[in-house]
Structure formats: C-alpha cells, structure tokens
Amino acid sequence: MFIKVKVFPDSKKEEIIKKEDDRFEIKVREKAEGGLANKKVIEILAKYLNVPEEKIILVRGAKQRNKIFEIHK
C-alpha cells in the first residue's frame, strides 16, 4: 500500500490529519535537517497505522515536503 504525505516540519505541535484513505498531512516539531523530520513522520505513521516502523519505507521525497511511503503489513 502506498500513501502520500505532506509534511510540515518545525511546527508548534505534532499532528496527523487524514485527508483521504491514502493522503495525510503531518505536522512535526523537528526541523527538516539530517532526516530528523522524516524519522519522526515514520514514527507517527507507525503509531497511527499500528504497524512497526520497519514496515514503513520512504519511496519518494526524502528532501521534499510531499512524500510517498510504502506500507508493508
């Protein structure tokens, strides 16, 4: 399963907003430096989808706001 995520790094609060079945907006406190925001996004997605972090792979958008993740269940 693939999902599209729009990330808002350096936000005041952490939040996940489901736009559609396969589209999310995620706000994280971490800055977009050194992959910190990406790691936090994976952590938040894992909790939300109830899957281990190892099952979530960043496919596209490592250095962009719009990302595509592949989820293995």
PDB file of N, CA and C in Angstrom:
ATOM      1  N   MET A   1       0.847  -1.168   0.000  1.00  0.00           N
ATOM      2  CA  MET A   1       0.000   0.000   0.000  1.00  0.00           C
ATOM      3  C   MET A   1       0.897   1.238   0.000  1.00  0.00           C
ATOM      4  N   PHE A   2       0.546   2.208  -0.818  1.00  0.00           N
ATOM      5  CA  PHE A   2       1.276   3.467  -0.886  1.00  0.00           C
ATOM      6  C   PHE A   2       0.410   4.575  -0.310  1.00  0.00           C
ATOM      7  N   ILE A   3       1.044   5.496   0.414  1.00  0.00           N
ATOM      8  CA  ILE A   3       0.315   6.667   0.909  1.00  0.00           C
ATOM      9  C   ILE A   3       1.127   7.922   0.596  1.00  0.00           C
ATOM     10  N   LYS A   4       0.410   9.008   0.378  1.00  0.00           N
ATOM     11  CA  LYS A   4       1.033  10.295   0.104  1.00  0.00           C
ATOM     12  C   LYS A   4       0.939  11.140   1.368  1.00  0.00           C
ATOM     13  N   VAL A   5       2.052  11.795   1.698  1.00  0.00           N
ATOM     14  CA  VAL A   5       2.106  12.589   2.922  1.00  0.00           C
ATOM     15  C   VAL A   5       2.691  13.959   2.607  1.00  0.00           C
ATOM     16  N   LYS A   6       2.017  14.983   3.098  1.00  0.00           N
ATOM     17  CA  LYS A   6       2.563  16.335   3.025  1.00  0.00           C
ATOM     18  C   LYS A   6       3.042  16.667   4.435  1.00  0.00           C
ATOM     19  N   VAL A   7       4.328  16.974   4.565  1.00  0.00           N
ATOM     20  CA  VAL A   7       4.941  17.178   5.876  1.00  0.00           C
ATOM     21  C   VAL A   7       5.144  18.664   6.135  1.00  0.00           C
ATOM     22  N   PHE A   8       4.854  19.063   7.372  1.00  0.00           N
ATOM     23  CA  PHE A   8       5.073  20.429   7.823  1.00  0.00           C
ATOM     24  C   PHE A   8       6.084  20.390   8.971  1.00  0.00           C
ATOM     25  N   PRO A   9       7.386  20.488   8.650  1.00  0.00           N
ATOM     26  CA  PRO A   9       8.399  20.440   9.710  1.00  0.00           C
ATOM     27  C   PRO A   9       8.423  21.735  10.518  1.00  0.00           C
ATOM     28  N   ASP A  10       9.056  21.661  11.696  1.00  0.00           N
ATOM     29  CA  ASP A  10       9.237  22.828  12.562  1.00  0.00           C
ATOM     30  C   ASP A  10       7.901  23.445  12.975  1.00  0.00           C
ATOM     31  N   SER A  11       6.888  22.594  13.210  1.00  0.00           N
ATOM     32  CA  SER A  11       5.568  23.062  13.639  1.00  0.00           C
ATOM     33  C   SER A  11       5.544  23.205  15.163  1.00  0.00           C
ATOM     34  N   LYS A  12       4.557  23.903  15.660  1.00  0.00           N
ATOM     35  CA  LYS A  12       4.437  24.090  17.107  1.00  0.00           C
ATOM     36  C   LYS A  12       3.914  22.841  17.800  1.00  0.00           C
ATOM     37  N   LYS A  13       3.128  22.024  17.070  1.00  0.00           N
ATOM     38  CA  LYS A  13       2.608  20.808  17.678  1.00  0.00           C
ATOM     39  C   LYS A  13       2.668  19.676  16.657  1.00  0.00           C
ATOM     40  N   GLU A  14       2.659  18.441  17.175  1.00  0.00           N
ATOM     41  CA  GLU A  14       2.641  17.281  16.294  1.00  0.00           C
ATOM     42  C   GLU A  14       1.204  16.870  16.057  1.00  0.00           C
ATOM     43  N   GLU A  15       0.901  16.611  14.781  1.00  0.00           N
ATOM     44  CA  GLU A  15      -0.487  16.316  14.420  1.00  0.00           C
ATOM     45  C   GLU A  15      -0.511  15.525  13.118  1.00  0.00           C
ATOM     46  N   ILE A  16      -1.465  14.617  13.012  1.00  0.00           N
ATOM     47  CA  ILE A  16      -1.682  13.878  11.767  1.00  0.00           C
ATOM     48  C   ILE A  16      -3.124  14.118  11.334  1.00  0.00           C
ATOM     49  N   ILE A  17      -3.288  14.502  10.076  1.00  0.00           N
ATOM     50  CA  ILE A  17      -4.613  14.811   9.537  1.00  0.00           C
ATOM     51  C   ILE A  17      -4.834  13.908   8.324  1.00  0.00           C
ATOM     52  N   LYS A  18      -5.895  13.121   8.377  1.00  0.00           N
ATOM     53  CA  LYS A  18      -6.221  12.228   7.262  1.00  0.00           C
ATOM     54  C   LYS A  18      -7.088  12.998   6.274  1.00  0.00           C
ATOM     55  N   LYS A  19      -6.589  13.182   5.052  1.00  0.00           N
ATOM     56  CA  LYS A  19      -7.319  13.896   4.006  1.00  0.00           C
ATOM     57  C   LYS A  19      -8.181  12.935   3.188  1.00  0.00           C
ATOM     58  N   GLU A  20      -7.596  11.786   2.833  1.00  0.00           N
ATOM     59  CA  GLU A  20      -8.289  10.720   2.108  1.00  0.00           C
ATOM     60  C   GLU A  20      -7.734   9.405   2.629  1.00  0.00           C
ATOM     61  N   ASP A  21      -8.187   8.291   2.085  1.00  0.00           N
ATOM     62  CA  ASP A  21      -7.694   6.993   2.539  1.00  0.00           C
ATOM     63  C   ASP A  21      -6.185   6.854   2.383  1.00  0.00           C
ATOM     64  N   ASP A  22      -5.624   7.481   1.352  1.00  0.00           N
ATOM     65  CA  ASP A  22      -4.191   7.342   1.087  1.00  0.00           C
ATOM     66  C   ASP A  22      -3.440   8.670   1.116  1.00  0.00           C
ATOM     67  N   ARG A  23      -4.034   9.709   1.704  1.00  0.00           N
ATOM     68  CA  ARG A  23      -3.391  11.031   1.777  1.00  0.00           C
ATOM     69  C   ARG A  23      -3.467  11.573   3.196  1.00  0.00           C
ATOM     70  N   PHE A  24      -2.310  12.044   3.683  1.00  0.00           N
ATOM     71  CA  PHE A  24      -2.226  12.595   5.026  1.00  0.00           C
ATOM     72  C   PHE A  24      -1.435  13.889   5.024  1.00  0.00           C
ATOM     73  N   GLU A  25      -1.692  14.719   6.026  1.00  0.00           N
ATOM     74  CA  GLU A  25      -0.839  15.860   6.341  1.00  0.00           C
ATOM     75  C   GLU A  25      -0.321  15.609   7.745  1.00  0.00           C
ATOM     76  N   ILE A  26       0.982  15.776   7.914  1.00  0.00           N
ATOM     77  CA  ILE A  26       1.592  15.517   9.217  1.00  0.00           C
ATOM     78  C   ILE A  26       2.447  16.712   9.617  1.00  0.00           C
ATOM     79  N   LYS A  27       2.192  17.210  10.814  1.00  0.00           N
ATOM     80  CA  LYS A  27       2.981  18.305  11.379  1.00  0.00           C
ATOM     81  C   LYS A  27       3.917  17.723  12.435  1.00  0.00           C
ATOM     82  N   VAL A  28       5.193  18.089  12.349  1.00  0.00           N
ATOM     83  CA  VAL A  28       6.183  17.606  13.309  1.00  0.00           C
ATOM     84  C   VAL A  28       6.995  18.780  13.853  1.00  0.00           C
ATOM     85  N   ARG A  29       7.489  18.617  15.062  1.00  0.00           N
ATOM     86  CA  ARG A  29       8.288  19.671  15.693  1.00  0.00           C
ATOM     87  C   ARG A  29       9.714  19.718  15.151  1.00  0.00           C
ATOM     88  N   GLU A  30      10.218  18.589  14.679  1.00  0.00           N
ATOM     89  CA  GLU A  30      11.592  18.502  14.212  1.00  0.00           C
ATOM     90  C   GLU A  30      11.818  19.356  12.970  1.00  0.00           C
ATOM     91  N   LYS A  31      13.030  19.863  12.858  1.00  0.00           N
ATOM     92  CA  LYS A  31      13.396  20.627  11.667  1.00  0.00           C
ATOM     93  C   LYS A  31      13.730  19.660  10.537  1.00  0.00           C
ATOM     94  N   ALA A  32      13.649  20.148   9.324  1.00  0.00           N
ATOM     95  CA  ALA A  32      13.944  19.327   8.143  1.00  0.00           C
ATOM     96  C   ALA A  32      15.447  19.307   7.893  1.00  0.00           C
ATOM     97  N   GLU A  33      16.195  18.801   8.865  1.00  0.00           N
ATOM     98  CA  GLU A  33      17.648  18.728   8.747  1.00  0.00           C
ATOM     99  C   GLU A  33      18.105  17.328   9.133  1.00  0.00           C
ATOM    100  N   GLY A  34      18.953  16.743   8.325  1.00  0.00           N
ATOM    101  CA  GLY A  34      19.539  15.456   8.644  1.00  0.00           C
ATOM    102  C   GLY A  34      18.548  14.315   8.744  1.00  0.00           C
ATOM    103  N   GLY A  35      17.399  14.447   8.121  1.00  0.00           N
ATOM    104  CA  GLY A  35      16.405  13.382   8.138  1.00  0.00           C
ATOM    105  C   GLY A  35      15.612  13.267   9.431  1.00  0.00           C
ATOM    106  N   LEU A  36      15.753  14.239  10.333  1.00  0.00           N
ATOM    107  CA  LEU A  36      15.039  14.180  11.614  1.00  0.00           C
ATOM    108  C   LEU A  36      13.530  14.213  11.435  1.00  0.00           C
ATOM    109  N   ALA A  37      13.057  15.080  10.553  1.00  0.00           N
ATOM    110  CA  ALA A  37      11.607  15.174  10.321  1.00  0.00           C
ATOM    111  C   ALA A  37      11.091  13.882   9.688  1.00  0.00           C
ATOM    112  N   ASN A  38      11.845  13.307   8.772  1.00  0.00           N
ATOM    113  CA  ASN A  38      11.423  12.052   8.134  1.00  0.00           C
ATOM    114  C   ASN A  38      11.306  10.928   9.160  1.00  0.00           C
ATOM    115  N   LYS A  39      12.259  10.842  10.070  1.00  0.00           N
ATOM    116  CA  LYS A  39      12.217   9.812  11.107  1.00  0.00           C
ATOM    117  C   LYS A  39      10.982   9.971  11.980  1.00  0.00           C
ATOM    118  N   LYS A  40      10.670  11.210  12.333  1.00  0.00           N
ATOM    119  CA  LYS A  40       9.502  11.468  13.176  1.00  0.00           C
ATOM    120  C   LYS A  40       8.221  11.145  12.427  1.00  0.00           C
ATOM    121  N   VAL A  41       8.155  11.459  11.149  1.00  0.00           N
ATOM    122  CA  VAL A  41       6.976  11.146  10.339  1.00  0.00           C
ATOM    123  C   VAL A  41       6.741   9.641  10.311  1.00  0.00           C
ATOM    124  N   ILE A  42       7.816   8.874  10.130  1.00  0.00           N
ATOM    125  CA  ILE A  42       7.691   7.411  10.127  1.00  0.00           C
ATOM    126  C   ILE A  42       7.194   6.917  11.484  1.00  0.00           C
ATOM    127  N   GLU A  43       7.713   7.500  12.552  1.00  0.00           N
ATOM    128  CA  GLU A  43       7.275   7.124  13.900  1.00  0.00           C
ATOM    129  C   GLU A  43       5.785   7.410  14.104  1.00  0.00           C
ATOM    130  N   ILE A  44       5.329   8.570  13.666  1.00  0.00           N
ATOM    131  CA  ILE A  44       3.918   8.955  13.802  1.00  0.00           C
ATOM    132  C   ILE A  44       3.027   8.053  12.947  1.00  0.00           C
ATOM    133  N   LEU A  45       3.444   7.792  11.710  1.00  0.00           N
ATOM    134  CA  LEU A  45       2.669   6.913  10.832  1.00  0.00           C
ATOM    135  C   LEU A  45       2.563   5.503  11.417  1.00  0.00           C
ATOM    136  N   ALA A  46       3.654   5.007  11.976  1.00  0.00           N
ATOM    137  CA  ALA A  46       3.659   3.661  12.551  1.00  0.00           C
ATOM    138  C   ALA A  46       2.644   3.563  13.684  1.00  0.00           C
ATOM    139  N   LYS A  47       2.612   4.572  14.535  1.00  0.00           N
ATOM    140  CA  LYS A  47       1.638   4.568  15.637  1.00  0.00           C
ATOM    141  C   LYS A  47       0.213   4.653  15.102  1.00  0.00           C
ATOM    142  N   TYR A  48      -0.005   5.541  14.155  1.00  0.00           N
ATOM    143  CA  TYR A  48      -1.347   5.775  13.615  1.00  0.00           C
ATOM    144  C   TYR A  48      -1.880   4.542  12.891  1.00  0.00           C
ATOM    145  N   LEU A  49      -1.022   3.901  12.087  1.00  0.00           N
ATOM    146  CA  LEU A  49      -1.438   2.745  11.284  1.00  0.00           C
ATOM    147  C   LEU A  49      -1.267   1.416  12.032  1.00  0.00           C
ATOM    148  N   ASN A  50      -0.676   1.486  13.221  1.00  0.00           N
ATOM    149  CA  ASN A  50      -0.467   0.305  14.056  1.00  0.00           C
ATOM    150  C   ASN A  50       0.376  -0.757  13.344  1.00  0.00           C
ATOM    151  N   VAL A  51       1.495  -0.295  12.771  1.00  0.00           N
ATOM    152  CA  VAL A  51       2.463  -1.194  12.145  1.00  0.00           C
ATOM    153  C   VAL A  51       3.855  -0.845  12.681  1.00  0.00           C
ATOM    154  N   PRO A  52       4.800  -1.785  12.652  1.00  0.00           N
ATOM    155  CA  PRO A  52       6.166  -1.472  13.092  1.00  0.00           C
ATOM    156  C   PRO A  52       6.826  -0.462  12.147  1.00  0.00           C
ATOM    157  N   GLU A  53       7.713   0.362  12.694  1.00  0.00           N
ATOM    158  CA  GLU A  53       8.398   1.371  11.885  1.00  0.00           C
ATOM    159  C   GLU A  53       9.177   0.746  10.734  1.00  0.00           C
ATOM    160  N   GLU A  54       9.666  -0.481  10.931  1.00  0.00           N
ATOM    161  CA  GLU A  54      10.451  -1.159   9.893  1.00  0.00           C
ATOM    162  C   GLU A  54       9.612  -1.477   8.658  1.00  0.00           C
ATOM    163  N   LYS A  55       8.303  -1.469   8.790  1.00  0.00           N
ATOM    164  CA  LYS A  55       7.405  -1.796   7.673  1.00  0.00           C
ATOM    165  C   LYS A  55       7.055  -0.567   6.835  1.00  0.00           C
ATOM    166  N   ILE A  56       7.575   0.604   7.221  1.00  0.00           N
ATOM    167  CA  ILE A  56       7.278   1.850   6.500  1.00  0.00           C
ATOM    168  C   ILE A  56       8.546   2.303   5.785  1.00  0.00           C
ATOM    169  N   ILE A  57       8.452   2.435   4.459  1.00  0.00           N
ATOM    170  CA  ILE A  57       9.612   2.796   3.643  1.00  0.00           C
ATOM    171  C   ILE A  57       9.314   4.089   2.886  1.00  0.00           C
ATOM    172  N   LEU A  58      10.228   5.028   2.993  1.00  0.00           N
ATOM    173  CA  LEU A  58      10.124   6.278   2.234  1.00  0.00           C
ATOM    174  C   LEU A  58      10.554   5.999   0.805  1.00  0.00           C
ATOM    175  N   VAL A  59       9.615   6.108  -0.132  1.00  0.00           N
ATOM    176  CA  VAL A  59       9.879   5.782  -1.528  1.00  0.00           C
ATOM    177  C   VAL A  59      10.329   7.011  -2.306  1.00  0.00           C
ATOM    178  N   ARG A  60       9.679   8.139  -2.072  1.00  0.00           N
ATOM    179  CA  ARG A  60       9.982   9.354  -2.828  1.00  0.00           C
ATOM    180  C   ARG A  60       9.801  10.583  -1.941  1.00  0.00           C
ATOM    181  N   GLY A  61      10.677  11.573  -2.124  1.00  0.00           N
ATOM    182  CA  GLY A  61      10.513  12.842  -1.443  1.00  0.00           C
ATOM    183  C   GLY A  61      11.332  13.011  -0.176  1.00  0.00           C
ATOM    184  N   ALA A  62      12.495  12.384  -0.103  1.00  0.00           N
ATOM    185  CA  ALA A  62      13.317  12.471   1.112  1.00  0.00           C
ATOM    186  C   ALA A  62      13.668  13.913   1.459  1.00  0.00           C
ATOM    187  N   LYS A  63      13.822  14.757   0.464  1.00  0.00           N
ATOM    188  CA  LYS A  63      14.203  16.153   0.719  1.00  0.00           C
ATOM    189  C   LYS A  63      13.123  17.130   0.263  1.00  0.00           C
ATOM    190  N   GLN A  64      11.892  16.632   0.182  1.00  0.00           N
ATOM    191  CA  GLN A  64      10.786  17.481  -0.242  1.00  0.00           C
ATOM    192  C   GLN A  64       9.661  17.397   0.775  1.00  0.00           C
ATOM    193  N   ARG A  65       8.748  18.317   0.699  1.00  0.00           N
ATOM    194  CA  ARG A  65       7.615  18.342   1.617  1.00  0.00           C
ATOM    195  C   ARG A  65       6.604  17.240   1.295  1.00  0.00           C
ATOM    196  N   ASN A  66       6.403  16.970   0.002  1.00  0.00           N
ATOM    197  CA  ASN A  66       5.473  15.928  -0.430  1.00  0.00           C
ATOM    198  C   ASN A  66       6.233  14.618  -0.564  1.00  0.00           C
ATOM    199  N   LYS A  67       5.757  13.593   0.145  1.00  0.00           N
ATOM    200  CA  LYS A  67       6.452  12.314   0.202  1.00  0.00           C
ATOM    201  C   LYS A  67       5.504  11.176  -0.130  1.00  0.00           C
ATOM    202  N   ILE A  68       6.092  10.067  -0.560  1.00  0.00           N
ATOM    203  CA  ILE A  68       5.323   8.844  -0.791  1.00  0.00           C
ATOM    204  C   ILE A  68       5.972   7.751   0.049  1.00  0.00           C
ATOM    205  N   PHE A  69       5.153   7.085   0.847  1.00  0.00           N
ATOM    206  CA  PHE A  69       5.606   5.985   1.690  1.00  0.00           C
ATOM    207  C   PHE A  69       4.950   4.692   1.245  1.00  0.00           C
ATOM    208  N   GLU A  70       5.706   3.605   1.352  1.00  0.00           N
ATOM    209  CA  GLU A  70       5.146   2.273   1.096  1.00  0.00           C
ATOM    210  C   GLU A  70       4.990   1.591   2.449  1.00  0.00           C
ATOM    211  N   ILE A  71       3.802   1.035   2.696  1.00  0.00           N
ATOM    212  CA  ILE A  71       3.498   0.377   3.951  1.00  0.00           C
ATOM    213  C   ILE A  71       3.375  -1.120   3.689  1.00  0.00           C
ATOM    214  N   HIS A  72       4.172  -1.911   4.387  1.00  0.00           N
ATOM    215  CA  HIS A  72       4.091  -3.375   4.315  1.00  0.00           C
ATOM    216  C   HIS A  72       3.392  -3.869   5.567  1.00  0.00           C
ATOM    217  N   LYS A  73       2.329  -4.628   5.403  1.00  0.00           N
ATOM    218  CA  LYS A  73       1.605  -5.132   6.568  1.00  0.00           C
ATOM    219  C   LYS A  73       1.888  -6.577   6.822  1.00  0.00           C
TER     220      LYS A  73
END
